[in-house]
Amino acid sequence: MKVKDAVAERFQKICNEKNIKYNELANLSGVTPSTVYSMMDKSRRDVSVTTVKKLCDGLDMTLGEFFSSPEFDTLEQEIE
């Protein structure tokens, strides 16, 4: 799994656990809904640390809490 896939998967799980829709996540985080949907779309996915931080702020969690998850422990090499 690549890091951008892991980030999207983690946000998807958190939203499901908290029963939050992507539009609501965007509103809570001060980003546009298209930013969230773009991050979740495998064909268009682009992830910035700043966006991840904003989304974490909207979910009232730290970056450490977000990245402290098994998805990030077994990532593939990004260097090809």
Protein backbone atom coordinates (compact mmCIF):
# COMPACT_ATOMS: atom_id res chain seq x y z
CA MET A 1 0.00 0.00 0.00
CA LYS A 2 1.22 3.50 -0.84
CA VAL A 3 1.09 6.34 1.69
CA LYS A 4 -1.68 8.22 -0.11
CA ASP A 5 -3.84 5.07 -0.08
CA ALA A 6 -3.16 4.59 3.63
CA VAL A 7 -4.11 8.21 4.38
CA ALA A 8 -7.39 7.91 2.48
CA GLU A 9 -8.16 4.56 4.12
CA ARG A 10 -7.46 5.99 7.59
CA PHE A 11 -9.77 8.99 7.03
CA GLN A 12 -12.44 6.68 5.64
CA LYS A 13 -12.28 4.49 8.76
CA ILE A 14 -12.38 7.48 11.11
CA CYS A 15 -15.36 8.99 9.28
CA ASN A 16 -17.19 5.66 9.41
CA GLU A 17 -16.46 5.26 13.14
CA LYS A 18 -17.67 8.79 13.91
CA ASN A 19 -20.54 8.60 11.42
CA ILE A 20 -19.24 11.70 9.60
CA LYS A 21 -19.84 12.25 5.90
CA TYR A 22 -17.07 13.70 3.72
CA ASN A 23 -18.94 17.01 3.31
CA GLU A 24 -19.17 17.32 7.08
CA LEU A 25 -15.45 16.52 7.44
CA ALA A 26 -14.69 19.28 4.96
CA ASN A 27 -16.86 21.78 6.85
CA LEU A 28 -15.32 20.85 10.21
CA SER A 29 -11.83 21.22 8.75
CA GLY A 30 -12.18 24.41 6.74
CA VAL A 31 -11.39 22.77 3.40
CA THR A 32 -13.59 22.43 0.35
CA PRO A 33 -15.59 19.24 -0.14
CA SER A 34 -13.81 18.77 -3.46
CA THR A 35 -10.49 18.59 -1.58
CA VAL A 36 -11.78 15.71 0.54
CA TYR A 37 -13.42 13.89 -2.37
CA SER A 38 -10.30 14.32 -4.49
CA MET A 39 -8.18 12.79 -1.73
CA MET A 40 -10.54 9.81 -1.53
CA ASP A 41 -10.66 9.24 -5.31
CA LYS A 42 -7.96 6.70 -6.28
CA SER A 43 -7.59 8.13 -9.78
CA ARG A 44 -7.11 11.75 -8.64
CA ARG A 45 -5.62 11.32 -5.21
CA ASP A 46 -3.12 13.92 -4.09
CA VAL A 47 -2.29 14.33 -0.41
CA SER A 48 -0.52 17.21 1.29
CA VAL A 49 0.59 17.28 4.90
CA THR A 50 -1.18 20.60 5.36
CA THR A 51 -4.48 19.09 4.23
CA VAL A 52 -4.00 16.08 6.51
CA LYS A 53 -3.32 18.47 9.42
CA LYS A 54 -6.47 20.49 8.69
CA LEU A 55 -8.58 17.34 8.52
CA CYS A 56 -7.07 16.11 11.77
CA ASP A 57 -7.84 19.49 13.37
CA GLY A 58 -11.46 19.15 12.22
CA LEU A 59 -11.60 15.70 13.80
CA ASP A 60 -9.98 17.03 17.00
CA MET A 61 -7.02 14.66 16.73
CA THR A 62 -3.28 15.12 16.47
CA LEU A 63 -1.12 14.05 13.56
CA GLY A 64 0.49 11.56 15.95
CA GLU A 65 -2.88 9.99 16.71
CA PHE A 66 -3.73 9.89 13.02
CA PHE A 67 -0.48 8.24 11.93
CA SER A 68 -0.37 5.87 14.91
CA SER A 69 -2.25 3.19 13.02
CA PRO A 70 -1.31 -0.17 11.48
CA GLU A 71 -1.91 1.14 7.93
CA PHE A 72 1.28 3.18 8.23
CA ASP A 73 3.47 0.43 9.69
CA THR A 74 3.63 -1.71 6.56
CA LEU A 75 3.80 0.80 3.71
CA GLU A 76 5.62 0.02 0.47
CA GLN A 77 8.75 1.89 -0.52
CA GLU A 78 7.85 5.12 -2.31
CA ILE A 79 11.22 5.17 -4.09
CA GLU A 80 11.04 3.31 -7.38
